[in-house]
C-alpha cells in the first residue's frame, strides 16, 4: 500500500531586493512575480521608483523549472494543484522569514503588489499575516476565492485596493471584473478601484510611479 508521508526540513531559498531600507524610506513594496518569472528580473519593473523613498522586496516561488524543454531560461512558480495546502503553508513560512530577515518595516507604508499568479499568493499571505498595509495592487491576476470569511477583519478601512487590468491581456475576460469585485469585497469588505492600462499580460513600469 502506498502511503504519503511528510516531514519538515530546513532549506535555503533566495529573495531579492531593490534599493536600501533606510530612515528615508517611506514605502516598502512586497512584490510577487507571475508564473514563469524570476524575482531578480521582475524587480526591474520597479527601477523607475524613487530609490530613496521606495524599498522593494521580491520573494520568489519555491519551484523552478526550465521554460522550454530541458535547458535554457528558467522560471519559477508559486504552486500547482498538487499538495496545494502544503505548498501554501510553505509559502507563508518562507515569506514571513523574508520579512523577518530584511529588518523592521513597521514604521513604513506597506504596499502589497501581486502580478498574475503572484496575486493569489499575495492575497493569501496578506490574510494570513494580518500585517497592516497602505495599499494592495492586484495586477492582471485573480484574487484567491478560498480565503476564509473575516480573514481581513484587521483592516482599518483606510487601505486602498486597486485592480489593474487590460483588454489587450490574452487572459482577460469581461466577466472577470464582476468576479474580481465580488471576491475582493467578500474577503476584505472593500471594492477594488478599477484601473485600465494599455498593454498585454505585463506590468507597465510608468504606471507604478502613479501608485
N, C-alpha and C. Protein backbone atom coordinates (compact mmCIF):
# COMPACT_ATOMS: atom_id res chain seq x y z
N UNK A 1 0.83 -1.19 0.00
CA UNK A 1 0.00 0.00 0.00
C UNK A 1 0.88 1.25 0.00
N UNK A 2 0.55 2.19 -0.86
CA UNK A 2 1.31 3.43 -0.95
C UNK A 2 0.78 4.42 0.06
N UNK A 3 1.66 4.99 0.85
CA UNK A 3 1.30 6.00 1.83
C UNK A 3 2.11 7.27 1.59
N UNK A 4 1.47 8.40 1.76
CA UNK A 4 2.18 9.67 1.69
C UNK A 4 2.64 10.05 3.09
N UNK A 5 3.90 10.39 3.21
CA UNK A 5 4.47 10.82 4.48
C UNK A 5 5.09 12.19 4.30
N UNK A 6 5.01 13.03 5.31
CA UNK A 6 5.58 14.36 5.24
C UNK A 6 6.47 14.62 6.44
N UNK A 7 7.48 15.45 6.22
CA UNK A 7 8.35 15.87 7.29
C UNK A 7 8.79 17.30 7.04
N UNK A 8 9.25 17.95 8.08
CA UNK A 8 9.74 19.32 7.97
C UNK A 8 11.25 19.31 7.78
N UNK A 9 11.73 20.15 6.85
CA UNK A 9 13.16 20.25 6.59
C UNK A 9 13.53 21.73 6.56
N UNK A 10 14.81 22.01 6.76
CA UNK A 10 15.32 23.37 6.66
C UNK A 10 15.97 23.53 5.30
N UNK A 11 15.57 24.56 4.55
CA UNK A 11 16.10 24.77 3.22
C UNK A 11 16.62 26.20 3.08
N UNK A 12 17.41 26.43 2.03
CA UNK A 12 17.81 27.78 1.66
C UNK A 12 17.00 28.21 0.45
N UNK A 13 16.53 29.42 0.44
CA UNK A 13 15.76 29.94 -0.68
C UNK A 13 16.08 31.42 -0.84
N UNK A 14 16.18 31.91 -2.07
CA UNK A 14 16.54 33.32 -2.28
C UNK A 14 15.35 34.26 -2.22
N UNK A 15 15.64 35.50 -1.99
CA UNK A 15 14.71 36.59 -2.24
C UNK A 15 15.55 37.76 -2.72
N UNK A 16 14.91 38.75 -3.33
CA UNK A 16 15.67 39.84 -3.94
C UNK A 16 15.10 41.17 -3.49
N UNK A 17 15.97 42.16 -3.41
CA UNK A 17 15.55 43.50 -3.00
C UNK A 17 16.08 44.53 -3.99
N UNK A 18 15.41 45.65 -4.03
CA UNK A 18 15.83 46.79 -4.85
C UNK A 18 15.88 48.02 -3.96
N UNK A 19 16.99 48.74 -4.01
CA UNK A 19 17.26 49.90 -3.17
C UNK A 19 17.57 49.47 -1.73
N UNK A 20 17.69 50.41 -0.84
CA UNK A 20 18.07 50.13 0.54
C UNK A 20 16.99 50.58 1.51
N UNK A 21 16.84 49.84 2.58
CA UNK A 21 15.91 50.20 3.64
C UNK A 21 16.64 51.13 4.60
N UNK A 22 16.25 52.42 4.58
CA UNK A 22 16.92 53.42 5.40
C UNK A 22 15.89 54.29 6.12
N UNK A 23 16.38 55.27 6.84
CA UNK A 23 15.49 56.21 7.50
C UNK A 23 14.70 57.06 6.53
N UNK A 24 15.19 57.17 5.29
CA UNK A 24 14.50 57.95 4.27
C UNK A 24 13.39 57.16 3.57
N UNK A 25 13.42 55.86 3.74
CA UNK A 25 12.42 55.01 3.08
C UNK A 25 11.03 55.33 3.59
N UNK A 26 10.13 55.58 2.67
CA UNK A 26 8.74 55.86 3.04
C UNK A 26 7.82 54.68 2.77
N UNK A 27 8.12 53.93 1.71
CA UNK A 27 7.23 52.84 1.30
C UNK A 27 8.02 51.56 1.06
N UNK A 28 7.49 50.48 1.57
CA UNK A 28 8.06 49.16 1.32
C UNK A 28 7.07 48.38 0.47
N UNK A 29 7.53 47.91 -0.67
CA UNK A 29 6.71 47.11 -1.57
C UNK A 29 7.05 45.64 -1.38
N UNK A 30 6.04 44.84 -1.17
CA UNK A 30 6.22 43.39 -1.15
C UNK A 30 5.63 42.87 -2.45
N UNK A 31 6.50 42.54 -3.40
CA UNK A 31 6.10 42.31 -4.79
C UNK A 31 6.20 40.83 -5.15
N UNK A 32 5.10 40.30 -5.67
CA UNK A 32 5.01 38.88 -6.01
C UNK A 32 4.95 38.72 -7.53
N UNK A 33 5.95 38.04 -8.08
CA UNK A 33 6.06 37.87 -9.53
C UNK A 33 5.01 36.91 -10.08
N UNK A 34 4.92 36.87 -11.39
CA UNK A 34 3.97 36.00 -12.06
C UNK A 34 4.57 34.64 -12.41
N UNK A 35 3.73 33.80 -12.98
CA UNK A 35 4.13 32.44 -13.34
C UNK A 35 5.26 32.46 -14.37
N UNK A 36 6.30 31.68 -14.11
CA UNK A 36 7.40 31.56 -15.05
C UNK A 36 8.42 32.68 -14.98
N UNK A 37 8.30 33.58 -14.02
CA UNK A 37 9.25 34.66 -13.88
C UNK A 37 10.25 34.36 -12.76
N UNK A 38 11.35 35.09 -12.78
CA UNK A 38 12.30 35.08 -11.67
C UNK A 38 12.28 36.45 -11.02
N UNK A 39 12.38 36.46 -9.70
CA UNK A 39 12.21 37.70 -8.95
C UNK A 39 13.24 38.76 -9.31
N UNK A 40 14.48 38.35 -9.60
CA UNK A 40 15.52 39.33 -9.87
C UNK A 40 15.24 40.10 -11.16
N UNK A 41 14.57 39.48 -12.11
CA UNK A 41 14.21 40.19 -13.33
C UNK A 41 12.90 40.97 -13.15
N UNK A 42 12.01 40.43 -12.37
CA UNK A 42 10.74 41.10 -12.08
C UNK A 42 10.99 42.45 -11.42
N UNK A 43 12.02 42.54 -10.59
CA UNK A 43 12.32 43.78 -9.88
C UNK A 43 12.69 44.93 -10.81
N UNK A 44 13.13 44.62 -12.01
CA UNK A 44 13.49 45.67 -12.96
C UNK A 44 12.29 46.56 -13.30
N UNK A 45 11.09 46.03 -13.15
CA UNK A 45 9.88 46.82 -13.40
C UNK A 45 9.76 47.98 -12.42
N UNK A 46 10.45 47.90 -11.29
CA UNK A 46 10.29 48.89 -10.23
C UNK A 46 11.45 49.90 -10.18
N UNK A 47 12.33 49.84 -11.16
CA UNK A 47 13.51 50.69 -11.13
C UNK A 47 13.20 52.17 -11.35
N UNK A 48 12.01 52.49 -11.86
CA UNK A 48 11.64 53.88 -12.08
C UNK A 48 11.22 54.60 -10.80
N UNK A 49 10.96 53.83 -9.74
CA UNK A 49 10.53 54.44 -8.49
C UNK A 49 11.69 55.14 -7.81
N UNK A 50 11.38 56.19 -7.07
CA UNK A 50 12.40 56.94 -6.34
C UNK A 50 13.14 56.01 -5.38
N UNK A 51 14.45 55.80 -5.59
CA UNK A 51 15.18 54.83 -4.77
C UNK A 51 15.32 55.23 -3.31
N UNK A 52 15.22 56.52 -3.02
CA UNK A 52 15.34 56.96 -1.63
C UNK A 52 14.07 56.67 -0.84
N UNK A 53 12.93 56.72 -1.53
CA UNK A 53 11.64 56.60 -0.84
C UNK A 53 11.04 55.19 -0.92
N UNK A 54 11.53 54.36 -1.84
CA UNK A 54 10.91 53.06 -2.08
C UNK A 54 11.91 51.92 -1.93
N UNK A 55 11.54 50.95 -1.12
CA UNK A 55 12.33 49.73 -0.93
C UNK A 55 11.45 48.57 -1.37
N UNK A 56 11.94 47.79 -2.32
CA UNK A 56 11.11 46.73 -2.89
C UNK A 56 11.68 45.37 -2.53
N UNK A 57 10.82 44.51 -2.03
CA UNK A 57 11.18 43.14 -1.66
C UNK A 57 10.46 42.20 -2.60
N UNK A 58 11.20 41.28 -3.22
CA UNK A 58 10.58 40.32 -4.14
C UNK A 58 10.92 38.89 -3.71
N UNK A 59 10.00 38.24 -3.01
CA UNK A 59 10.17 36.80 -2.77
C UNK A 59 10.07 36.06 -4.11
N UNK A 60 10.49 34.82 -4.12
CA UNK A 60 10.43 34.04 -5.36
C UNK A 60 9.76 32.70 -5.11
N UNK A 61 8.92 32.30 -6.05
CA UNK A 61 8.28 30.99 -5.94
C UNK A 61 9.30 29.90 -5.70
N UNK A 62 8.97 28.97 -4.84
CA UNK A 62 9.95 27.97 -4.41
C UNK A 62 10.19 26.87 -5.44
N UNK A 63 9.36 26.82 -6.47
CA UNK A 63 9.53 25.81 -7.51
C UNK A 63 10.08 26.45 -8.78
N UNK A 64 11.21 25.92 -9.28
CA UNK A 64 11.82 26.43 -10.51
C UNK A 64 11.80 25.34 -11.58
N UNK A 65 11.77 25.78 -12.84
CA UNK A 65 11.71 24.83 -13.94
C UNK A 65 12.23 25.49 -15.21
N UNK A 66 12.62 24.69 -16.20
CA UNK A 66 13.01 25.22 -17.50
C UNK A 66 11.76 25.64 -18.26
N UNK A 67 11.82 26.84 -18.83
CA UNK A 67 10.65 27.37 -19.52
C UNK A 67 10.40 26.67 -20.85
N UNK A 68 11.44 26.12 -21.44
CA UNK A 68 11.31 25.47 -22.74
C UNK A 68 12.14 24.20 -22.78
N UNK A 69 11.49 23.09 -22.58
CA UNK A 69 12.20 21.82 -22.65
C UNK A 69 13.04 21.55 -21.42
N UNK A 70 14.31 21.17 -21.66
CA UNK A 70 15.18 20.71 -20.58
C UNK A 70 16.42 21.57 -20.39
N UNK A 71 16.43 22.75 -21.01
CA UNK A 71 17.57 23.64 -20.84
C UNK A 71 17.16 25.07 -21.20
N UNK A 72 18.08 26.00 -20.99
CA UNK A 72 17.80 27.39 -21.34
C UNK A 72 17.26 28.18 -20.17
N UNK A 73 16.36 29.11 -20.47
CA UNK A 73 15.83 30.02 -19.46
C UNK A 73 15.05 29.28 -18.38
N UNK A 74 15.15 29.80 -17.17
CA UNK A 74 14.49 29.19 -16.01
C UNK A 74 13.44 30.16 -15.47
N UNK A 75 12.32 29.64 -15.04
CA UNK A 75 11.29 30.43 -14.40
C UNK A 75 10.90 29.81 -13.07
N UNK A 76 10.07 30.50 -12.34
CA UNK A 76 9.62 29.99 -11.03
C UNK A 76 8.10 30.00 -10.96
N UNK A 77 7.57 29.13 -10.14
CA UNK A 77 6.12 29.03 -9.95
C UNK A 77 5.84 29.02 -8.45
N UNK A 78 4.71 29.63 -8.09
CA UNK A 78 4.35 29.66 -6.67
C UNK A 78 3.78 28.34 -6.20
N UNK A 79 3.02 27.66 -7.06
CA UNK A 79 2.43 26.40 -6.63
C UNK A 79 1.69 25.75 -7.78
N UNK A 80 1.32 24.50 -7.60
CA UNK A 80 0.42 23.80 -8.51
C UNK A 80 -0.74 23.24 -7.68
N UNK A 81 -1.59 22.47 -8.31
CA UNK A 81 -2.70 21.86 -7.57
C UNK A 81 -2.24 20.68 -6.72
N UNK A 82 -1.04 20.16 -6.99
CA UNK A 82 -0.53 19.00 -6.25
C UNK A 82 -0.12 19.40 -4.84
N UNK A 83 -0.75 18.80 -3.85
CA UNK A 83 -0.44 19.04 -2.44
C UNK A 83 -0.47 20.54 -2.14
N UNK A 84 -1.50 21.21 -2.63
CA UNK A 84 -1.55 22.67 -2.61
C UNK A 84 -1.56 23.25 -1.20
N UNK A 85 -2.21 22.59 -0.25
CA UNK A 85 -2.27 23.14 1.10
C UNK A 85 -0.89 23.17 1.75
N UNK A 86 -0.10 22.15 1.49
CA UNK A 86 1.28 22.15 2.00
C UNK A 86 2.09 23.24 1.33
N UNK A 87 1.90 23.40 0.02
CA UNK A 87 2.60 24.45 -0.71
C UNK A 87 2.25 25.84 -0.15
N UNK A 88 0.98 26.05 0.15
CA UNK A 88 0.55 27.33 0.69
C UNK A 88 1.18 27.57 2.07
N UNK A 89 1.21 26.56 2.90
CA UNK A 89 1.81 26.70 4.21
C UNK A 89 3.31 27.00 4.09
N UNK A 90 3.98 26.34 3.14
CA UNK A 90 5.39 26.62 2.91
C UNK A 90 5.60 28.07 2.47
N UNK A 91 4.68 28.57 1.66
CA UNK A 91 4.77 29.96 1.22
C UNK A 91 4.70 30.91 2.41
N UNK A 92 3.75 30.66 3.30
CA UNK A 92 3.61 31.53 4.47
C UNK A 92 4.92 31.61 5.26
N UNK A 93 5.49 30.45 5.55
CA UNK A 93 6.69 30.41 6.38
C UNK A 93 7.86 31.07 5.67
N UNK A 94 7.97 30.84 4.37
CA UNK A 94 9.07 31.42 3.60
C UNK A 94 8.94 32.94 3.54
N UNK A 95 7.77 33.46 3.19
CA UNK A 95 7.60 34.91 3.04
C UNK A 95 7.77 35.61 4.39
N UNK A 96 7.25 35.00 5.44
CA UNK A 96 7.44 35.59 6.77
C UNK A 96 8.92 35.63 7.13
N UNK A 97 9.67 34.59 6.77
CA UNK A 97 11.11 34.57 7.03
C UNK A 97 11.82 35.67 6.25
N UNK A 98 11.36 35.92 5.03
CA UNK A 98 11.92 37.03 4.24
C UNK A 98 11.73 38.35 4.97
N UNK A 99 10.52 38.60 5.43
CA UNK A 99 10.24 39.85 6.13
C UNK A 99 11.05 39.96 7.43
N UNK A 100 11.18 38.87 8.14
CA UNK A 100 11.96 38.88 9.37
C UNK A 100 13.42 39.22 9.08
N UNK A 101 13.88 38.84 7.89
CA UNK A 101 15.29 38.99 7.56
C UNK A 101 15.64 40.39 7.06
N UNK A 102 14.69 41.10 6.47
CA UNK A 102 15.01 42.40 5.87
C UNK A 102 15.12 43.52 6.90
N UNK A 103 14.52 43.34 8.04
CA UNK A 103 14.59 44.38 9.06
C UNK A 103 13.22 44.94 9.40
N UNK A 104 13.22 45.92 10.25
CA UNK A 104 11.97 46.50 10.77
C UNK A 104 11.32 47.40 9.72
N UNK A 105 10.13 47.03 9.28
CA UNK A 105 9.39 47.85 8.32
C UNK A 105 8.10 48.40 8.93
N UNK A 106 7.96 48.26 10.22
CA UNK A 106 6.69 48.59 10.88
C UNK A 106 6.33 50.07 10.77
N UNK A 107 7.33 50.93 10.61
CA UNK A 107 7.06 52.37 10.53
C UNK A 107 6.92 52.86 9.09
N UNK A 108 6.99 51.94 8.14
CA UNK A 108 6.89 52.30 6.73
C UNK A 108 5.50 51.95 6.20
N UNK A 109 5.12 52.60 5.11
CA UNK A 109 3.88 52.24 4.43
C UNK A 109 4.12 50.97 3.61
N UNK A 110 3.32 49.96 3.85
CA UNK A 110 3.48 48.70 3.15
C UNK A 110 2.54 48.65 1.95
N UNK A 111 3.12 48.32 0.81
CA UNK A 111 2.33 48.14 -0.40
C UNK A 111 2.46 46.69 -0.86
N UNK A 112 1.34 45.98 -0.89
CA UNK A 112 1.32 44.65 -1.48
C UNK A 112 1.14 44.79 -2.99
N UNK A 113 1.96 44.08 -3.74
CA UNK A 113 1.86 44.11 -5.20
C UNK A 113 1.91 42.68 -5.72
N UNK A 114 0.84 42.26 -6.39
CA UNK A 114 0.79 40.92 -6.95
C UNK A 114 0.51 40.96 -8.44
N UNK A 115 1.34 40.29 -9.21
CA UNK A 115 1.15 40.21 -10.65
C UNK A 115 0.82 38.78 -11.05
N UNK A 116 -0.24 38.62 -11.85
CA UNK A 116 -0.60 37.32 -12.42
C UNK A 116 -0.73 36.26 -11.32
N UNK A 117 -0.01 35.15 -11.41
CA UNK A 117 -0.12 34.10 -10.41
C UNK A 117 0.25 34.59 -9.02
N UNK A 118 1.12 35.59 -8.96
CA UNK A 118 1.54 36.11 -7.66
C UNK A 118 0.43 36.80 -6.89
N UNK A 119 -0.65 37.17 -7.58
CA UNK A 119 -1.78 37.81 -6.91
C UNK A 119 -2.40 36.90 -5.86
N UNK A 120 -2.56 35.63 -6.20
CA UNK A 120 -3.16 34.69 -5.25
C UNK A 120 -2.26 34.48 -4.04
N UNK A 121 -0.96 34.35 -4.27
CA UNK A 121 -0.02 34.21 -3.17
C UNK A 121 -0.06 35.44 -2.27
N UNK A 122 -0.08 36.61 -2.89
CA UNK A 122 -0.15 37.86 -2.14
C UNK A 122 -1.40 37.91 -1.26
N UNK A 123 -2.56 37.61 -1.85
CA UNK A 123 -3.81 37.70 -1.12
C UNK A 123 -3.86 36.75 0.07
N UNK A 124 -3.39 35.53 -0.15
CA UNK A 124 -3.41 34.55 0.95
C UNK A 124 -2.46 34.96 2.07
N UNK A 125 -1.26 35.43 1.69
CA UNK A 125 -0.31 35.81 2.72
C UNK A 125 -0.81 37.03 3.50
N UNK A 126 -1.39 37.99 2.80
CA UNK A 126 -1.91 39.18 3.48
C UNK A 126 -2.97 38.81 4.50
N UNK A 127 -3.84 37.87 4.13
CA UNK A 127 -4.88 37.43 5.05
C UNK A 127 -4.29 36.67 6.23
N UNK A 128 -3.29 35.85 5.95
CA UNK A 128 -2.67 35.02 6.99
C UNK A 128 -1.82 35.85 7.96
N UNK A 129 -1.04 36.76 7.42
CA UNK A 129 -0.08 37.51 8.25
C UNK A 129 -0.75 38.61 9.06
N UNK A 130 -1.85 39.16 8.50
CA UNK A 130 -2.57 40.26 9.14
C UNK A 130 -1.68 41.48 9.39
N UNK A 131 -0.74 41.69 8.48
CA UNK A 131 0.09 42.89 8.55
C UNK A 131 -0.71 44.09 8.06
N UNK A 132 -0.61 45.19 8.77
CA UNK A 132 -1.26 46.41 8.32
C UNK A 132 -0.59 46.86 7.02
N UNK A 133 -1.40 47.31 6.07
CA UNK A 133 -0.82 47.78 4.81
C UNK A 133 -1.53 49.05 4.35
N UNK A 134 -0.86 49.78 3.49
CA UNK A 134 -1.40 51.03 2.98
C UNK A 134 -2.16 50.79 1.68
N UNK A 135 -1.59 49.99 0.80
CA UNK A 135 -2.22 49.72 -0.48
C UNK A 135 -2.01 48.25 -0.87
N UNK A 136 -2.95 47.75 -1.65
CA UNK A 136 -2.82 46.43 -2.25
C UNK A 136 -3.12 46.56 -3.74
N UNK A 137 -2.16 46.10 -4.56
CA UNK A 137 -2.29 46.20 -6.00
C UNK A 137 -2.47 44.82 -6.59
N UNK A 138 -3.59 44.61 -7.26
CA UNK A 138 -3.87 43.37 -7.97
C UNK A 138 -3.66 43.66 -9.45
N UNK A 139 -2.60 43.09 -10.03
CA UNK A 139 -2.26 43.44 -11.41
C UNK A 139 -2.36 42.20 -12.30
N UNK A 140 -3.35 42.23 -13.19
CA UNK A 140 -3.52 41.16 -14.18
C UNK A 140 -3.54 39.78 -13.53
N UNK A 141 -4.17 39.70 -12.38
CA UNK A 141 -4.25 38.44 -11.68
C UNK A 141 -5.61 38.29 -11.02
N UNK A 142 -5.81 37.15 -10.39
CA UNK A 142 -7.09 36.85 -9.75
C UNK A 142 -6.92 36.70 -8.25
N UNK A 143 -7.66 37.48 -7.49
CA UNK A 143 -7.61 37.38 -6.04
C UNK A 143 -8.13 36.02 -5.62
N UNK A 144 -7.49 35.36 -4.65
CA UNK A 144 -7.87 33.99 -4.30
C UNK A 144 -9.28 33.91 -3.70
N UNK A 145 -10.13 33.03 -4.21
CA UNK A 145 -11.50 32.93 -3.72
C UNK A 145 -11.63 32.05 -2.48
N UNK A 146 -10.53 31.44 -2.03
CA UNK A 146 -10.61 30.47 -0.94
C UNK A 146 -10.21 31.05 0.41
N UNK A 147 -10.13 32.36 0.53
CA UNK A 147 -9.78 32.97 1.81
C UNK A 147 -10.97 32.89 2.75
N UNK A 148 -10.69 32.57 3.99
CA UNK A 148 -11.77 32.39 4.97
C UNK A 148 -12.48 33.72 5.25
N UNK A 149 -13.78 33.66 5.51
CA UNK A 149 -14.52 34.89 5.86
C UNK A 149 -13.89 35.57 7.08
N UNK A 150 -13.90 36.87 7.07
CA UNK A 150 -13.37 37.69 8.16
C UNK A 150 -11.85 37.64 8.30
N UNK A 151 -11.17 37.06 7.30
CA UNK A 151 -9.72 36.98 7.38
C UNK A 151 -9.08 38.36 7.35
N UNK A 152 -9.78 39.33 6.78
CA UNK A 152 -9.27 40.69 6.69
C UNK A 152 -9.97 41.63 7.68
N UNK A 153 -10.45 41.08 8.78
CA UNK A 153 -11.15 41.93 9.73
C UNK A 153 -10.21 42.85 10.50
N UNK A 154 -8.91 42.74 10.23
CA UNK A 154 -7.94 43.62 10.88
C UNK A 154 -7.78 44.95 10.15
N UNK A 155 -8.40 45.08 8.98
CA UNK A 155 -8.26 46.31 8.20
C UNK A 155 -8.92 47.49 8.91
N UNK A 156 -8.32 48.66 8.75
CA UNK A 156 -8.85 49.87 9.37
C UNK A 156 -9.93 50.53 8.53
N UNK A 157 -9.92 50.23 7.23
CA UNK A 157 -10.87 50.85 6.31
C UNK A 157 -10.23 51.92 5.44
N UNK A 158 -9.03 52.34 5.80
CA UNK A 158 -8.36 53.39 5.02
C UNK A 158 -7.48 52.82 3.90
N UNK A 159 -7.35 51.50 3.86
CA UNK A 159 -6.48 50.89 2.87
C UNK A 159 -7.04 51.04 1.46
N UNK A 160 -6.16 51.18 0.50
CA UNK A 160 -6.58 51.24 -0.89
C UNK A 160 -6.31 49.91 -1.58
N UNK A 161 -7.29 49.43 -2.34
CA UNK A 161 -7.12 48.19 -3.11
C UNK A 161 -7.44 48.53 -4.57
N UNK A 162 -6.50 48.28 -5.45
CA UNK A 162 -6.65 48.65 -6.86
C UNK A 162 -6.42 47.44 -7.75
N UNK A 163 -7.29 47.32 -8.75
CA UNK A 163 -7.22 46.21 -9.70
C UNK A 163 -6.84 46.78 -11.06
N UNK A 164 -5.65 46.45 -11.54
CA UNK A 164 -5.17 46.87 -12.85
C UNK A 164 -5.43 45.74 -13.85
N UNK A 165 -6.06 46.08 -14.96
CA UNK A 165 -6.33 45.08 -15.98
C UNK A 165 -6.33 45.71 -17.36
N UNK A 166 -6.24 44.88 -18.39
CA UNK A 166 -6.17 45.36 -19.76
C UNK A 166 -6.95 44.44 -20.68
N UNK A 167 -7.69 45.02 -21.60
CA UNK A 167 -8.40 44.21 -22.59
C UNK A 167 -7.45 43.63 -23.63
N UNK A 168 -6.21 44.07 -23.62
CA UNK A 168 -5.20 43.51 -24.51
C UNK A 168 -4.52 42.29 -23.90
N UNK A 169 -4.81 42.02 -22.65
CA UNK A 169 -4.26 40.85 -21.98
C UNK A 169 -4.96 39.61 -22.53
N UNK A 170 -4.22 38.63 -23.05
CA UNK A 170 -4.86 37.44 -23.62
C UNK A 170 -5.64 36.62 -22.61
N UNK A 171 -5.40 36.83 -21.32
CA UNK A 171 -6.12 36.10 -20.28
C UNK A 171 -7.38 36.84 -19.82
N UNK A 172 -7.56 38.05 -20.32
CA UNK A 172 -8.69 38.87 -19.84
C UNK A 172 -10.02 38.41 -20.42
N UNK A 173 -11.03 38.39 -19.56
CA UNK A 173 -12.42 38.16 -19.96
C UNK A 173 -13.28 39.18 -19.23
N UNK A 174 -14.31 39.67 -19.89
CA UNK A 174 -15.13 40.73 -19.32
C UNK A 174 -15.72 40.35 -17.96
N UNK A 175 -16.12 39.09 -17.82
CA UNK A 175 -16.76 38.68 -16.57
C UNK A 175 -15.79 38.68 -15.39
N UNK A 176 -14.49 38.79 -15.68
CA UNK A 176 -13.50 38.80 -14.61
C UNK A 176 -13.67 40.01 -13.70
N UNK A 177 -14.13 41.11 -14.25
CA UNK A 177 -14.26 42.33 -13.45
C UNK A 177 -15.30 42.14 -12.36
N UNK A 178 -16.47 41.64 -12.73
CA UNK A 178 -17.52 41.40 -11.74
C UNK A 178 -17.08 40.35 -10.73
N UNK A 179 -16.45 39.28 -11.20
CA UNK A 179 -16.00 38.22 -10.30
C UNK A 179 -14.94 38.75 -9.33
N UNK A 180 -14.02 39.56 -9.86
CA UNK A 180 -12.98 40.12 -9.01
C UNK A 180 -13.56 41.02 -7.93
N UNK A 181 -14.49 41.87 -8.31
CA UNK A 181 -15.13 42.75 -7.34
C UNK A 181 -15.81 41.95 -6.23
N UNK A 182 -16.48 40.87 -6.63
CA UNK A 182 -17.21 40.05 -5.67
C UNK A 182 -16.25 39.37 -4.69
N UNK A 183 -15.20 38.76 -5.22
CA UNK A 183 -14.27 38.02 -4.36
C UNK A 183 -13.53 38.96 -3.42
N UNK A 184 -13.05 40.07 -3.95
CA UNK A 184 -12.29 41.00 -3.12
C UNK A 184 -13.18 41.63 -2.05
N UNK A 185 -14.37 42.05 -2.43
CA UNK A 185 -15.26 42.70 -1.46
C UNK A 185 -15.72 41.74 -0.39
N UNK A 186 -15.98 40.48 -0.76
CA UNK A 186 -16.39 39.49 0.24
C UNK A 186 -15.26 39.18 1.21
N UNK A 187 -14.02 39.22 0.73
CA UNK A 187 -12.87 38.90 1.57
C UNK A 187 -12.44 40.07 2.44
N UNK A 188 -12.40 41.26 1.84
CA UNK A 188 -11.80 42.42 2.52
C UNK A 188 -12.82 43.45 2.98
N UNK A 189 -14.04 43.38 2.44
CA UNK A 189 -15.02 44.40 2.75
C UNK A 189 -14.86 45.65 1.92
N UNK A 190 -13.96 45.62 0.94
CA UNK A 190 -13.71 46.78 0.10
C UNK A 190 -13.82 46.38 -1.37
N UNK A 191 -14.43 47.23 -2.18
CA UNK A 191 -14.49 47.01 -3.62
C UNK A 191 -13.28 47.66 -4.25
N UNK A 192 -12.50 46.91 -5.02
CA UNK A 192 -11.27 47.48 -5.58
C UNK A 192 -11.54 48.57 -6.61
N UNK A 193 -10.68 49.55 -6.63
CA UNK A 193 -10.72 50.57 -7.68
C UNK A 193 -10.22 49.93 -8.98
N UNK A 194 -10.92 50.15 -10.05
CA UNK A 194 -10.55 49.57 -11.34
C UNK A 194 -9.69 50.54 -12.13
N UNK A 195 -8.51 50.06 -12.59
CA UNK A 195 -7.64 50.87 -13.42
C UNK A 195 -7.33 50.09 -14.70
N UNK A 196 -7.62 50.69 -15.84
CA UNK A 196 -7.30 50.08 -17.12
C UNK A 196 -5.91 50.53 -17.56
N UNK A 197 -5.21 49.67 -18.25
CA UNK A 197 -3.94 50.06 -18.85
C UNK A 197 -3.83 49.50 -20.26
N UNK A 198 -3.01 50.12 -21.06
CA UNK A 198 -2.76 49.66 -22.42
C UNK A 198 -1.55 48.74 -22.42
N UNK A 199 -1.75 47.54 -22.88
CA UNK A 199 -0.66 46.57 -22.88
C UNK A 199 -1.19 45.19 -22.62
N UNK A 200 -0.36 44.20 -22.81
CA UNK A 200 -0.78 42.81 -22.63
C UNK A 200 -0.61 42.34 -21.20
N UNK A 201 -0.21 41.10 -21.06
CA UNK A 201 -0.06 40.49 -19.74
C UNK A 201 1.32 40.86 -19.18
N UNK A 202 1.42 42.10 -18.74
CA UNK A 202 2.70 42.61 -18.27
C UNK A 202 2.49 43.78 -17.33
N UNK A 203 3.50 44.10 -16.55
CA UNK A 203 3.47 45.27 -15.68
C UNK A 203 4.01 46.47 -16.45
N UNK A 204 3.33 47.59 -16.36
CA UNK A 204 3.75 48.81 -17.03
C UNK A 204 4.50 49.69 -16.02
N UNK A 205 5.84 49.77 -16.11
CA UNK A 205 6.60 50.49 -15.09
C UNK A 205 6.17 51.93 -14.90
N UNK A 206 5.82 52.63 -15.98
CA UNK A 206 5.45 54.03 -15.86
C UNK A 206 4.25 54.23 -14.93
N UNK A 207 3.34 53.25 -14.90
CA UNK A 207 2.16 53.39 -14.06
C UNK A 207 2.48 53.18 -12.58
N UNK A 208 3.57 52.51 -12.29
CA UNK A 208 3.93 52.28 -10.89
C UNK A 208 4.26 53.59 -10.19
N UNK A 209 4.75 54.56 -10.94
CA UNK A 209 5.08 55.84 -10.34
C UNK A 209 3.84 56.62 -9.93
N UNK A 210 2.67 56.18 -10.40
CA UNK A 210 1.41 56.86 -10.07
C UNK A 210 0.74 56.26 -8.83
N UNK A 211 1.26 55.16 -8.35
CA UNK A 211 0.66 54.47 -7.22
C UNK A 211 1.07 55.15 -5.92
